[in-house]
Amino acid sequence: MAVAPLELRWLRLLLAWRAVEAVVFSPQVDAEIAELHASIEELWQRLGSLAEEMHEAGKLSSGEESQLLEQFRKLQEDFIQLQQQAYQIGEDSADNAALARHPLVDAYVEYLRAFQP
């Protein structure tokens, strides 16, 4: 079975997401970030499966499907922005100590906490 372009993009984003998990802030923050990453990954998978099942079952009208795809596109844009912020923080930091002190880390963690696909 071929992977649809949108699903392939999600897979690539999830793989990139895993690269961020090697950071060490504190045991509590690391555990929270790991849990948030896992939760987001699980929710993306559920959304993709649900949308595919509804499409295959013919449960969505053309308008509903278009609306759903637009909502997915917006979520994907938000997710990409979150990924880019994490990447930038990593690029700006020479080591884990510098990473933990990066001025955007707090905003990143707050955005991560608020992001729910």
PDB file of N, CA and C in Angstrom:
ATOM      1  N   MET A   1       0.839  -1.179   0.000  1.00  0.00           N
ATOM      2  CA  MET A   1       0.000   0.000   0.000  1.00  0.00           C
ATOM      3  C   MET A   1       0.885   1.244   0.000  1.00  0.00           C
ATOM      4  N   ALA A   2       0.653   2.178  -0.885  1.00  0.00           N
ATOM      5  CA  ALA A   2       1.441   3.403  -0.984  1.00  0.00           C
ATOM      6  C   ALA A   2       1.046   4.368   0.128  1.00  0.00           C
ATOM      7  N   VAL A   3       2.017   5.136   0.606  1.00  0.00           N
ATOM      8  CA  VAL A   3       1.762   6.125   1.641  1.00  0.00           C
ATOM      9  C   VAL A   3       1.326   7.414   0.978  1.00  0.00           C
ATOM     10  N   ALA A   4       0.200   7.980   1.451  1.00  0.00           N
ATOM     11  CA  ALA A   4      -0.310   9.239   0.912  1.00  0.00           C
ATOM     12  C   ALA A   4       0.655  10.364   1.255  1.00  0.00           C
ATOM     13  N   PRO A   5       0.731  11.399   0.418  1.00  0.00           N
ATOM     14  CA  PRO A   5       1.665  12.492   0.666  1.00  0.00           C
ATOM     15  C   PRO A   5       1.512  13.123   2.043  1.00  0.00           C
ATOM     16  N   LEU A   6       0.283  13.358   2.520  1.00  0.00           N
ATOM     17  CA  LEU A   6       0.079  13.972   3.823  1.00  0.00           C
ATOM     18  C   LEU A   6       0.589  13.059   4.929  1.00  0.00           C
ATOM     19  N   GLU A   7       0.303  11.752   4.824  1.00  0.00           N
ATOM     20  CA  GLU A   7       0.781  10.810   5.823  1.00  0.00           C
ATOM     21  C   GLU A   7       2.306  10.737   5.821  1.00  0.00           C
ATOM     22  N   LEU A   8       2.912  10.816   4.643  1.00  0.00           N
ATOM     23  CA  LEU A   8       4.365  10.794   4.544  1.00  0.00           C
ATOM     24  C   LEU A   8       4.962  12.015   5.225  1.00  0.00           C
ATOM     25  N   ARG A   9       4.341  13.168   5.036  1.00  0.00           N
ATOM     26  CA  ARG A   9       4.830  14.385   5.710  1.00  0.00           C
ATOM     27  C   ARG A   9       4.728  14.234   7.210  1.00  0.00           C
ATOM     28  N   TRP A  10       3.622  13.670   7.709  1.00  0.00           N
ATOM     29  CA  TRP A  10       3.478  13.454   9.152  1.00  0.00           C
ATOM     30  C   TRP A  10       4.567  12.531   9.655  1.00  0.00           C
ATOM     31  N   LEU A  11       4.847  11.465   8.912  1.00  0.00           N
ATOM     32  CA  LEU A  11       5.883  10.526   9.316  1.00  0.00           C
ATOM     33  C   LEU A  11       7.232  11.228   9.402  1.00  0.00           C
ATOM     34  N   ARG A  12       7.551  12.030   8.394  1.00  0.00           N
ATOM     35  CA  ARG A  12       8.823  12.765   8.426  1.00  0.00           C
ATOM     36  C   ARG A  12       8.891  13.702   9.625  1.00  0.00           C
ATOM     37  N   LEU A  13       7.787  14.390   9.926  1.00  0.00           N
ATOM     38  CA  LEU A  13       7.769  15.293  11.070  1.00  0.00           C
ATOM     39  C   LEU A  13       7.963  14.529  12.373  1.00  0.00           C
ATOM     40  N   LEU A  14       7.319  13.373  12.478  1.00  0.00           N
ATOM     41  CA  LEU A  14       7.469  12.581  13.698  1.00  0.00           C
ATOM     42  C   LEU A  14       8.899  12.090  13.876  1.00  0.00           C
ATOM     43  N   LEU A  15       9.535  11.698  12.780  1.00  0.00           N
ATOM     44  CA  LEU A  15      10.934  11.263  12.871  1.00  0.00           C
ATOM     45  C   LEU A  15      11.835  12.417  13.284  1.00  0.00           C
ATOM     46  N   ALA A  16      11.585  13.601  12.747  1.00  0.00           N
ATOM     47  CA  ALA A  16      12.367  14.768  13.138  1.00  0.00           C
ATOM     48  C   ALA A  16      12.116  15.105  14.601  1.00  0.00           C
ATOM     49  N   TRP A  17      10.886  14.908  15.038  1.00  0.00           N
ATOM     50  CA  TRP A  17      10.505  15.192  16.420  1.00  0.00           C
ATOM     51  C   TRP A  17      11.338  14.376  17.393  1.00  0.00           C
ATOM     52  N   ARG A  18      11.580  13.118  17.069  1.00  0.00           N
ATOM     53  CA  ARG A  18      12.326  12.229  17.961  1.00  0.00           C
ATOM     54  C   ARG A  18      13.754  12.729  18.203  1.00  0.00           C
ATOM     55  N   ALA A  19      14.323  13.459  17.265  1.00  0.00           N
ATOM     56  CA  ALA A  19      15.687  13.971  17.419  1.00  0.00           C
ATOM     57  C   ALA A  19      15.785  14.971  18.550  1.00  0.00           C
ATOM     58  N   VAL A  20      14.674  15.605  18.911  1.00  0.00           N
ATOM     59  CA  VAL A  20      14.673  16.625  19.953  1.00  0.00           C
ATOM     60  C   VAL A  20      14.716  15.999  21.344  1.00  0.00           C
ATOM     61  N   GLU A  21      14.349  14.726  21.460  1.00  0.00           N
ATOM     62  CA  GLU A  21      14.171  14.109  22.761  1.00  0.00           C
ATOM     63  C   GLU A  21      15.461  13.818  23.525  1.00  0.00           C
ATOM     64  N   ALA A  22      16.623  14.053  22.968  1.00  0.00           N
ATOM     65  CA  ALA A  22      17.882  13.730  23.630  1.00  0.00           C
ATOM     66  C   ALA A  22      18.350  14.829  24.586  1.00  0.00           C
ATOM     67  N   VAL A  23      17.594  15.862  24.729  1.00  0.00           N
ATOM     68  CA  VAL A  23      17.967  17.026  25.532  1.00  0.00           C
ATOM     69  C   VAL A  23      17.795  16.731  27.018  1.00  0.00           C
ATOM     70  N   VAL A  24      18.662  17.320  27.841  1.00  0.00           N
ATOM     71  CA  VAL A  24      18.570  17.142  29.288  1.00  0.00           C
ATOM     72  C   VAL A  24      18.373  18.491  29.955  1.00  0.00           C
ATOM     73  N   PHE A  25      17.194  18.700  30.544  1.00  0.00           N
ATOM     74  CA  PHE A  25      16.914  19.929  31.303  1.00  0.00           C
ATOM     75  C   PHE A  25      16.960  19.604  32.790  1.00  0.00           C
ATOM     76  N   SER A  26      15.999  18.838  33.233  1.00  0.00           N
ATOM     77  CA  SER A  26      15.941  18.290  34.586  1.00  0.00           C
ATOM     78  C   SER A  26      15.123  17.012  34.467  1.00  0.00           C
ATOM     79  N   PRO A  27      15.239  16.113  35.419  1.00  0.00           N
ATOM     80  CA  PRO A  27      14.474  14.863  35.299  1.00  0.00           C
ATOM     81  C   PRO A  27      12.969  15.099  35.122  1.00  0.00           C
ATOM     82  N   GLN A  28      12.421  16.084  35.857  1.00  0.00           N
ATOM     83  CA  GLN A  28      10.994  16.349  35.773  1.00  0.00           C
ATOM     84  C   GLN A  28      10.607  16.939  34.420  1.00  0.00           C
ATOM     85  N   VAL A  29      11.372  17.919  33.954  1.00  0.00           N
ATOM     86  CA  VAL A  29      11.057  18.564  32.676  1.00  0.00           C
ATOM     87  C   VAL A  29      11.294  17.585  31.530  1.00  0.00           C
ATOM     88  N   ASP A  30      12.386  16.817  31.602  1.00  0.00           N
ATOM     89  CA  ASP A  30      12.643  15.815  30.564  1.00  0.00           C
ATOM     90  C   ASP A  30      11.491  14.819  30.477  1.00  0.00           C
ATOM     91  N   ALA A  31      11.007  14.358  31.626  1.00  0.00           N
ATOM     92  CA  ALA A  31       9.900  13.402  31.646  1.00  0.00           C
ATOM     93  C   ALA A  31       8.639  14.033  31.065  1.00  0.00           C
ATOM     94  N   GLU A  32       8.377  15.278  31.418  1.00  0.00           N
ATOM     95  CA  GLU A  32       7.198  15.958  30.895  1.00  0.00           C
ATOM     96  C   GLU A  32       7.291  16.129  29.376  1.00  0.00           C
ATOM     97  N   ILE A  33       8.452  16.564  28.891  1.00  0.00           N
ATOM     98  CA  ILE A  33       8.632  16.758  27.451  1.00  0.00           C
ATOM     99  C   ILE A  33       8.486  15.428  26.709  1.00  0.00           C
ATOM    100  N   ALA A  34       9.076  14.379  27.243  1.00  0.00           N
ATOM    101  CA  ALA A  34       8.955  13.066  26.606  1.00  0.00           C
ATOM    102  C   ALA A  34       7.488  12.621  26.564  1.00  0.00           C
ATOM    103  N   GLU A  35       6.763  12.854  27.649  1.00  0.00           N
ATOM    104  CA  GLU A  35       5.345  12.491  27.694  1.00  0.00           C
ATOM    105  C   GLU A  35       4.539  13.323  26.694  1.00  0.00           C
ATOM    106  N   LEU A  36       4.841  14.618  26.595  1.00  0.00           N
ATOM    107  CA  LEU A  36       4.147  15.476  25.632  1.00  0.00           C
ATOM    108  C   LEU A  36       4.441  15.046  24.199  1.00  0.00           C
ATOM    109  N   HIS A  37       5.698  14.729  23.900  1.00  0.00           N
ATOM    110  CA  HIS A  37       6.055  14.249  22.563  1.00  0.00           C
ATOM    111  C   HIS A  37       5.279  12.974  22.235  1.00  0.00           C
ATOM    112  N   ALA A  38       5.241  12.034  23.172  1.00  0.00           N
ATOM    113  CA  ALA A  38       4.543  10.775  22.947  1.00  0.00           C
ATOM    114  C   ALA A  38       3.045  11.005  22.750  1.00  0.00           C
ATOM    115  N   SER A  39       2.482  11.896  23.534  1.00  0.00           N
ATOM    116  CA  SER A  39       1.060  12.211  23.419  1.00  0.00           C
ATOM    117  C   SER A  39       0.733  12.815  22.064  1.00  0.00           C
ATOM    118  N   ILE A  40       1.566  13.740  21.618  1.00  0.00           N
ATOM    119  CA  ILE A  40       1.344  14.375  20.313  1.00  0.00           C
ATOM    120  C   ILE A  40       1.467  13.339  19.199  1.00  0.00           C
ATOM    121  N   GLU A  41       2.464  12.489  19.285  1.00  0.00           N
ATOM    122  CA  GLU A  41       2.646  11.446  18.271  1.00  0.00           C
ATOM    123  C   GLU A  41       1.428  10.528  18.223  1.00  0.00           C
ATOM    124  N   GLU A  42       0.932  10.123  19.386  1.00  0.00           N
ATOM    125  CA  GLU A  42      -0.241   9.250  19.444  1.00  0.00           C
ATOM    126  C   GLU A  42      -1.467   9.948  18.855  1.00  0.00           C
ATOM    127  N   LEU A  43      -1.660  11.220  19.178  1.00  0.00           N
ATOM    128  CA  LEU A  43      -2.806  11.958  18.656  1.00  0.00           C
ATOM    129  C   LEU A  43      -2.733  12.118  17.139  1.00  0.00           C
ATOM    130  N   TRP A  44      -1.530  12.369  16.590  1.00  0.00           N
ATOM    131  CA  TRP A  44      -1.381  12.449  15.130  1.00  0.00           C
ATOM    132  C   TRP A  44      -1.784  11.135  14.485  1.00  0.00           C
ATOM    133  N   GLN A  45      -1.341  10.035  15.064  1.00  0.00           N
ATOM    134  CA  GLN A  45      -1.663   8.725  14.507  1.00  0.00           C
ATOM    135  C   GLN A  45      -3.160   8.462  14.562  1.00  0.00           C
ATOM    136  N   ARG A  46      -3.793   8.815  15.671  1.00  0.00           N
ATOM    137  CA  ARG A  46      -5.240   8.635  15.800  1.00  0.00           C
ATOM    138  C   ARG A  46      -5.989   9.476  14.776  1.00  0.00           C
ATOM    139  N   LEU A  47      -5.591  10.739  14.626  1.00  0.00           N
ATOM    140  CA  LEU A  47      -6.249  11.612  13.660  1.00  0.00           C
ATOM    141  C   LEU A  47      -6.133  11.055  12.251  1.00  0.00           C
ATOM    142  N   GLY A  48      -4.937  10.624  11.879  1.00  0.00           N
ATOM    143  CA  GLY A  48      -4.730  10.066  10.551  1.00  0.00           C
ATOM    144  C   GLY A  48      -5.565   8.824  10.321  1.00  0.00           C
ATOM    145  N   SER A  49      -5.606   7.934  11.304  1.00  0.00           N
ATOM    146  CA  SER A  49      -6.390   6.701  11.180  1.00  0.00           C
ATOM    147  C   SER A  49      -7.882   6.995  11.101  1.00  0.00           C
ATOM    148  N   LEU A  50      -8.354   7.895  11.944  1.00  0.00           N
ATOM    149  CA  LEU A  50      -9.766   8.233  11.959  1.00  0.00           C
ATOM    150  C   LEU A  50     -10.194   8.863  10.634  1.00  0.00           C
ATOM    151  N   ALA A  51      -9.402   9.798  10.149  1.00  0.00           N
ATOM    152  CA  ALA A  51      -9.730  10.452   8.882  1.00  0.00           C
ATOM    153  C   ALA A  51      -9.754   9.443   7.742  1.00  0.00           C
ATOM    154  N   GLU A  52      -8.776   8.541   7.733  1.00  0.00           N
ATOM    155  CA  GLU A  52      -8.723   7.522   6.676  1.00  0.00           C
ATOM    156  C   GLU A  52      -9.922   6.587   6.752  1.00  0.00           C
ATOM    157  N   GLU A  53     -10.281   6.160   7.967  1.00  0.00           N
ATOM    158  CA  GLU A  53     -11.429   5.271   8.139  1.00  0.00           C
ATOM    159  C   GLU A  53     -12.724   5.955   7.705  1.00  0.00           C
ATOM    160  N   MET A  54     -12.893   7.217   8.065  1.00  0.00           N
ATOM    161  CA  MET A  54     -14.105   7.940   7.692  1.00  0.00           C
ATOM    162  C   MET A  54     -14.176   8.128   6.179  1.00  0.00           C
ATOM    163  N   HIS A  55     -13.038   8.404   5.574  1.00  0.00           N
ATOM    164  CA  HIS A  55     -13.000   8.561   4.114  1.00  0.00           C
ATOM    165  C   HIS A  55     -13.372   7.246   3.427  1.00  0.00           C
ATOM    166  N   GLU A  56     -12.744   6.163   3.850  1.00  0.00           N
ATOM    167  CA  GLU A  56     -12.990   4.860   3.238  1.00  0.00           C
ATOM    168  C   GLU A  56     -14.435   4.395   3.433  1.00  0.00           C
ATOM    169  N   ALA A  57     -15.046   4.773   4.555  1.00  0.00           N
ATOM    170  CA  ALA A  57     -16.418   4.369   4.838  1.00  0.00           C
ATOM    171  C   ALA A  57     -17.433   5.299   4.171  1.00  0.00           C
ATOM    172  N   GLY A  58     -16.939   6.346   3.522  1.00  0.00           N
ATOM    173  CA  GLY A  58     -17.846   7.289   2.864  1.00  0.00           C
ATOM    174  C   GLY A  58     -18.651   8.122   3.841  1.00  0.00           C
ATOM    175  N   LYS A  59     -18.134   8.326   5.018  1.00  0.00           N
ATOM    176  CA  LYS A  59     -18.841   9.062   6.070  1.00  0.00           C
ATOM    177  C   LYS A  59     -18.677  10.576   5.966  1.00  0.00           C
ATOM    178  N   LEU A  60     -17.837  11.034   5.068  1.00  0.00           N
ATOM    179  CA  LEU A  60     -17.602  12.470   4.924  1.00  0.00           C
ATOM    180  C   LEU A  60     -18.123  12.953   3.579  1.00  0.00           C
ATOM    181  N   SER A  61     -18.855  14.048   3.616  1.00  0.00           N
ATOM    182  CA  SER A  61     -19.241  14.675   2.356  1.00  0.00           C
ATOM    183  C   SER A  61     -18.019  15.383   1.793  1.00  0.00           C
ATOM    184  N   SER A  62     -18.108  15.816   0.572  1.00  0.00           N
ATOM    185  CA  SER A  62     -16.987  16.525  -0.052  1.00  0.00           C
ATOM    186  C   SER A  62     -16.619  17.768   0.750  1.00  0.00           C
ATOM    187  N   GLY A  63     -17.627  18.514   1.201  1.00  0.00           N
ATOM    188  CA  GLY A  63     -17.384  19.720   1.998  1.00  0.00           C
ATOM    189  C   GLY A  63     -16.762  19.416   3.345  1.00  0.00           C
ATOM    190  N   GLU A  64     -17.254  18.359   3.984  1.00  0.00           N
ATOM    191  CA  GLU A  64     -16.705  17.971   5.286  1.00  0.00           C
ATOM    192  C   GLU A  64     -15.264  17.508   5.147  1.00  0.00           C
ATOM    193  N   GLU A  65     -14.993  16.766   4.076  1.00  0.00           N
ATOM    194  CA  GLU A  65     -13.631  16.285   3.846  1.00  0.00           C
ATOM    195  C   GLU A  65     -12.695  17.464   3.599  1.00  0.00           C
ATOM    196  N   SER A  66     -13.154  18.437   2.828  1.00  0.00           N
ATOM    197  CA  SER A  66     -12.340  19.634   2.575  1.00  0.00           C
ATOM    198  C   SER A  66     -12.070  20.395   3.861  1.00  0.00           C
ATOM    199  N   GLN A  67     -13.092  20.507   4.695  1.00  0.00           N
ATOM    200  CA  GLN A  67     -12.934  21.204   5.975  1.00  0.00           C
ATOM    201  C   GLN A  67     -11.956  20.452   6.880  1.00  0.00           C
ATOM    202  N   LEU A  68     -12.075  19.147   6.923  1.00  0.00           N
ATOM    203  CA  LEU A  68     -11.175  18.327   7.731  1.00  0.00           C
ATOM    204  C   LEU A  68      -9.731  18.460   7.252  1.00  0.00           C
ATOM    205  N   LEU A  69      -9.540  18.422   5.949  1.00  0.00           N
ATOM    206  CA  LEU A  69      -8.191  18.575   5.402  1.00  0.00           C
ATOM    207  C   LEU A  69      -7.619  19.953   5.714  1.00  0.00           C
ATOM    208  N   GLU A  70      -8.452  20.974   5.696  1.00  0.00           N
ATOM    209  CA  GLU A  70      -7.987  22.321   6.043  1.00  0.00           C
ATOM    210  C   GLU A  70      -7.576  22.385   7.514  1.00  0.00           C
ATOM    211  N   GLN A  71      -8.343  21.740   8.380  1.00  0.00           N
ATOM    212  CA  GLN A  71      -7.980  21.710   9.797  1.00  0.00           C
ATOM    213  C   GLN A  71      -6.670  20.949  10.009  1.00  0.00           C
ATOM    214  N   PHE A  72      -6.490  19.844   9.291  1.00  0.00           N
ATOM    215  CA  PHE A  72      -5.227  19.106   9.360  1.00  0.00           C
ATOM    216  C   PHE A  72      -4.070  19.971   8.876  1.00  0.00           C
ATOM    217  N   ARG A  73      -4.289  20.705   7.789  1.00  0.00           N
ATOM    218  CA  ARG A  73      -3.245  21.571   7.250  1.00  0.00           C
ATOM    219  C   ARG A  73      -2.830  22.614   8.286  1.00  0.00           C
ATOM    220  N   LYS A  74      -3.800  23.207   8.987  1.00  0.00           N
ATOM    221  CA  LYS A  74      -3.498  24.209  10.019  1.00  0.00           C
ATOM    222  C   LYS A  74      -2.725  23.566  11.170  1.00  0.00           C
ATOM    223  N   LEU A  75      -3.157  22.394  11.600  1.00  0.00           N
ATOM    224  CA  LEU A  75      -2.435  21.693  12.663  1.00  0.00           C
ATOM    225  C   LEU A  75      -1.012  21.358  12.233  1.00  0.00           C
ATOM    226  N   GLN A  76      -0.870  20.955  10.975  1.00  0.00           N
ATOM    227  CA  GLN A  76       0.453  20.623  10.463  1.00  0.00           C
ATOM    228  C   GLN A  76       1.344  21.868  10.450  1.00  0.00           C
ATOM    229  N   GLU A  77       0.799  23.013  10.065  1.00  0.00           N
ATOM    230  CA  GLU A  77       1.569  24.263  10.080  1.00  0.00           C
ATOM    231  C   GLU A  77       2.019  24.594  11.498  1.00  0.00           C
ATOM    232  N   ASP A  78       1.117  24.444  12.473  1.00  0.00           N
ATOM    233  CA  ASP A  78       1.476  24.699  13.869  1.00  0.00           C
ATOM    234  C   ASP A  78       2.571  23.743  14.328  1.00  0.00           C
ATOM    235  N   PHE A  79       2.448  22.481  13.930  1.00  0.00           N
ATOM    236  CA  PHE A  79       3.434  21.474  14.304  1.00  0.00           C
ATOM    237  C   PHE A  79       4.794  21.800  13.684  1.00  0.00           C
ATOM    238  N   ILE A  80       4.789  22.214  12.430  1.00  0.00           N
ATOM    239  CA  ILE A  80       6.037  22.578  11.754  1.00  0.00           C
ATOM    240  C   ILE A  80       6.687  23.760  12.452  1.00  0.00           C
ATOM    241  N   GLN A  81       5.876  24.733  12.862  1.00  0.00           N
ATOM    242  CA  GLN A  81       6.414  25.891  13.582  1.00  0.00           C
ATOM    243  C   GLN A  81       7.062  25.447  14.889  1.00  0.00           C
ATOM    244  N   LEU A  82       6.428  24.529  15.587  1.00  0.00           N
ATOM    245  CA  LEU A  82       6.981  24.003  16.831  1.00  0.00           C
ATOM    246  C   LEU A  82       8.300  23.271  16.569  1.00  0.00           C
ATOM    247  N   GLN A  83       8.327  22.465  15.494  1.00  0.00           N
ATOM    248  CA  GLN A  83       9.550  21.754  15.112  1.00  0.00           C
ATOM    249  C   GLN A  83      10.676  22.727  14.782  1.00  0.00           C
ATOM    250  N   GLN A  84      10.352  23.770  14.043  1.00  0.00           N
ATOM    251  CA  GLN A  84      11.367  24.747  13.658  1.00  0.00           C
ATOM    252  C   GLN A  84      11.925  25.468  14.877  1.00  0.00           C
ATOM    253  N   GLN A  85      11.055  25.759  15.838  1.00  0.00           N
ATOM    254  CA  GLN A  85      11.524  26.403  17.059  1.00  0.00           C
ATOM    255  C   GLN A  85      12.482  25.473  17.807  1.00  0.00           C
ATOM    256  N   ALA A  86      12.136  24.202  17.910  1.00  0.00           N
ATOM    257  CA  ALA A  86      13.013  23.243  18.588  1.00  0.00           C
ATOM    258  C   ALA A  86      14.347  23.130  17.860  1.00  0.00           C
ATOM    259  N   TYR A  87      14.300  23.073  16.538  1.00  0.00           N
ATOM    260  CA  TYR A  87      15.520  22.975  15.751  1.00  0.00           C
ATOM    261  C   TYR A  87      16.397  24.213  15.967  1.00  0.00           C
ATOM    262  N   GLN A  88      15.783  25.390  15.963  1.00  0.00           N
ATOM    263  CA  GLN A  88      16.542  26.635  16.138  1.00  0.00           C
ATOM    264  C   GLN A  88      17.207  26.674  17.509  1.00  0.00           C
ATOM    265  N   ILE A  89      16.487  26.256  18.534  1.00  0.00           N
ATOM    266  CA  ILE A  89      17.057  26.214  19.881  1.00  0.00           C
ATOM    267  C   ILE A  89      18.267  25.286  19.893  1.00  0.00           C
ATOM    268  N   GLY A  90      18.141  24.130  19.263  1.00  0.00           N
ATOM    269  CA  GLY A  90      19.258  23.190  19.200  1.00  0.00           C
ATOM    270  C   GLY A  90      20.436  23.739  18.427  1.00  0.00           C
ATOM    271  N   GLU A  91      20.165  24.400  17.316  1.00  0.00           N
ATOM    272  CA  GLU A  91      21.238  24.983  16.501  1.00  0.00           C
ATOM    273  C   GLU A  91      21.980  26.092  17.243  1.00  0.00           C
ATOM    274  N   ASP A  92      21.253  26.850  18.048  1.00  0.00           N
ATOM    275  CA  ASP A  92      21.845  27.980  18.771  1.00  0.00           C
ATOM    276  C   ASP A  92      22.662  27.543  19.984  1.00  0.00           C
ATOM    277  N   SER A  93      22.530  26.291  20.393  1.00  0.00           N
ATOM    278  CA  SER A  93      23.129  25.830  21.647  1.00  0.00           C
ATOM    279  C   SER A  93      24.305  24.904  21.385  1.00  0.00           C
ATOM    280  N   ALA A  94      25.418  25.205  22.034  1.00  0.00           N
ATOM    281  CA  ALA A  94      26.633  24.412  21.857  1.00  0.00           C
ATOM    282  C   ALA A  94      26.566  23.076  22.597  1.00  0.00           C
ATOM    283  N   ASP A  95      25.829  23.030  23.713  1.00  0.00           N
ATOM    284  CA  ASP A  95      25.730  21.809  24.505  1.00  0.00           C
ATOM    285  C   ASP A  95      24.423  21.838  25.299  1.00  0.00           C
ATOM    286  N   ASN A  96      24.191  20.807  26.106  1.00  0.00           N
ATOM    287  CA  ASN A  96      22.942  20.732  26.864  1.00  0.00           C
ATOM    288  C   ASN A  96      22.797  21.850  27.880  1.00  0.00           C
ATOM    289  N   ALA A  97      23.905  22.284  28.463  1.00  0.00           N
ATOM    290  CA  ALA A  97      23.832  23.380  29.433  1.00  0.00           C
ATOM    291  C   ALA A  97      23.373  24.666  28.744  1.00  0.00           C
ATOM    292  N   ALA A  98      23.936  24.960  27.574  1.00  0.00           N
ATOM    293  CA  ALA A  98      23.523  26.144  26.818  1.00  0.00           C
ATOM    294  C   ALA A  98      22.075  26.005  26.357  1.00  0.00           C
ATOM    295  N   LEU A  99      21.701  24.802  25.991  1.00  0.00           N
ATOM    296  CA  LEU A  99      20.332  24.549  25.547  1.00  0.00           C
ATOM    297  C   LEU A  99      19.341  24.850  26.674  1.00  0.00           C
ATOM    298  N   ALA A 100      19.645  24.387  27.874  1.00  0.00           N
ATOM    299  CA  ALA A 100      18.754  24.605  29.009  1.00  0.00           C
ATOM    300  C   ALA A 100      18.613  26.090  29.348  1.00  0.00           C
ATOM    301  N   ARG A 101      19.616  26.890  29.007  1.00  0.00           N
ATOM    302  CA  ARG A 101      19.573  28.333  29.285  1.00  0.00           C
ATOM    303  C   ARG A 101      19.061  29.162  28.106  1.00  0.00           C
ATOM    304  N   HIS A 102      18.764  28.516  27.000  1.00  0.00           N
ATOM    305  CA  HIS A 102      18.351  29.247  25.799  1.00  0.00           C
ATOM    306  C   HIS A 102      17.087  30.060  26.101  1.00  0.00           C
ATOM    307  N   PRO A 103      17.043  31.311  25.643  1.00  0.00           N
ATOM    308  CA  PRO A 103      15.892  32.171  25.954  1.00  0.00           C
ATOM    309  C   PRO A 103      14.561  31.695  25.372  1.00  0.00           C
ATOM    310  N   LEU A 104      14.583  30.825  24.372  1.00  0.00           N
ATOM    311  CA  LEU A 104      13.326  30.349  23.777  1.00  0.00           C
ATOM    312  C   LEU A 104      12.826  29.030  24.361  1.00  0.00           C
ATOM    313  N   VAL A 105      13.594  28.430  25.266  1.00  0.00           N
ATOM    314  CA  VAL A 105      13.209  27.122  25.809  1.00  0.00           C
ATOM    315  C   VAL A 105      11.884  27.204  26.555  1.00  0.00           C
ATOM    316  N   ASP A 106      11.712  28.209  27.395  1.00  0.00           N
ATOM    317  CA  ASP A 106      10.468  28.306  28.161  1.00  0.00           C
ATOM    318  C   ASP A 106       9.263  28.453  27.232  1.00  0.00           C
ATOM    319  N   ALA A 107       9.396  29.294  26.210  1.00  0.00           N
ATOM    320  CA  ALA A 107       8.302  29.474  25.253  1.00  0.00           C
ATOM    321  C   ALA A 107       8.026  28.171  24.496  1.00  0.00           C
ATOM    322  N   TYR A 108       9.089  27.454  24.142  1.00  0.00           N
ATOM    323  CA  TYR A 108       8.937  26.176  23.450  1.00  0.00           C
ATOM    324  C   TYR A 108       8.158  25.182  24.310  1.00  0.00           C
ATOM    325  N   VAL A 109       8.547  25.048  25.566  1.00  0.00           N
ATOM    326  CA  VAL A 109       7.887  24.092  26.457  1.00  0.00           C
ATOM    327  C   VAL A 109       6.419  24.489  26.661  1.00  0.00           C
ATOM    328  N   GLU A 110       6.137  25.782  26.802  1.00  0.00           N
ATOM    329  CA  GLU A 110       4.752  26.233  26.958  1.00  0.00           C
ATOM    330  C   GLU A 110       3.940  25.931  25.696  1.00  0.00           C
ATOM    331  N   TYR A 111       4.522  26.178  24.529  1.00  0.00           N
ATOM    332  CA  TYR A 111       3.851  25.905  23.270  1.00  0.00           C
ATOM    333  C   TYR A 111       3.614  24.402  23.129  1.00  0.00           C
ATOM    334  N   LEU A 112       4.596  23.613  23.525  1.00  0.00           N
ATOM    335  CA  LEU A 112       4.478  22.165  23.480  1.00  0.00           C
ATOM    336  C   LEU A 112       3.339  21.705  24.391  1.00  0.00           C
ATOM    337  N   ARG A 113       3.225  22.286  25.573  1.00  0.00           N
ATOM    338  CA  ARG A 113       2.150  21.931  26.489  1.00  0.00           C
ATOM    339  C   ARG A 113       0.776  22.269  25.924  1.00  0.00           C
ATOM    340  N   ALA A 114       0.701  23.369  25.184  1.00  0.00           N
ATOM    341  CA  ALA A 114      -0.579  23.838  24.654  1.00  0.00           C
ATOM    342  C   ALA A 114      -0.974  23.142  23.344  1.00  0.00           C
ATOM    343  N   PHE A 115      -0.002  22.568  22.640  1.00  0.00           N
ATOM    344  CA  PHE A 115      -0.277  21.974  21.327  1.00  0.00           C
ATOM    345  C   PHE A 115      -1.008  20.652  21.493  1.00  0.00           C
ATOM    346  N   GLN A 116      -2.198  20.583  20.943  1.00  0.00           N
ATOM    347  CA  GLN A 116      -2.988  19.355  20.996  1.00  0.00           C
ATOM    348  C   GLN A 116      -3.663  19.144  19.640  1.00  0.00           C
ATOM    349  N   PRO A 117      -3.122  18.246  18.822  1.00  0.00           N
ATOM    350  CA  PRO A 117      -3.774  18.012  17.526  1.00  0.00           C
ATOM    351  C   PRO A 117      -5.123  17.335  17.691  1.00  0.00           C
TER     352      PRO A 117
END
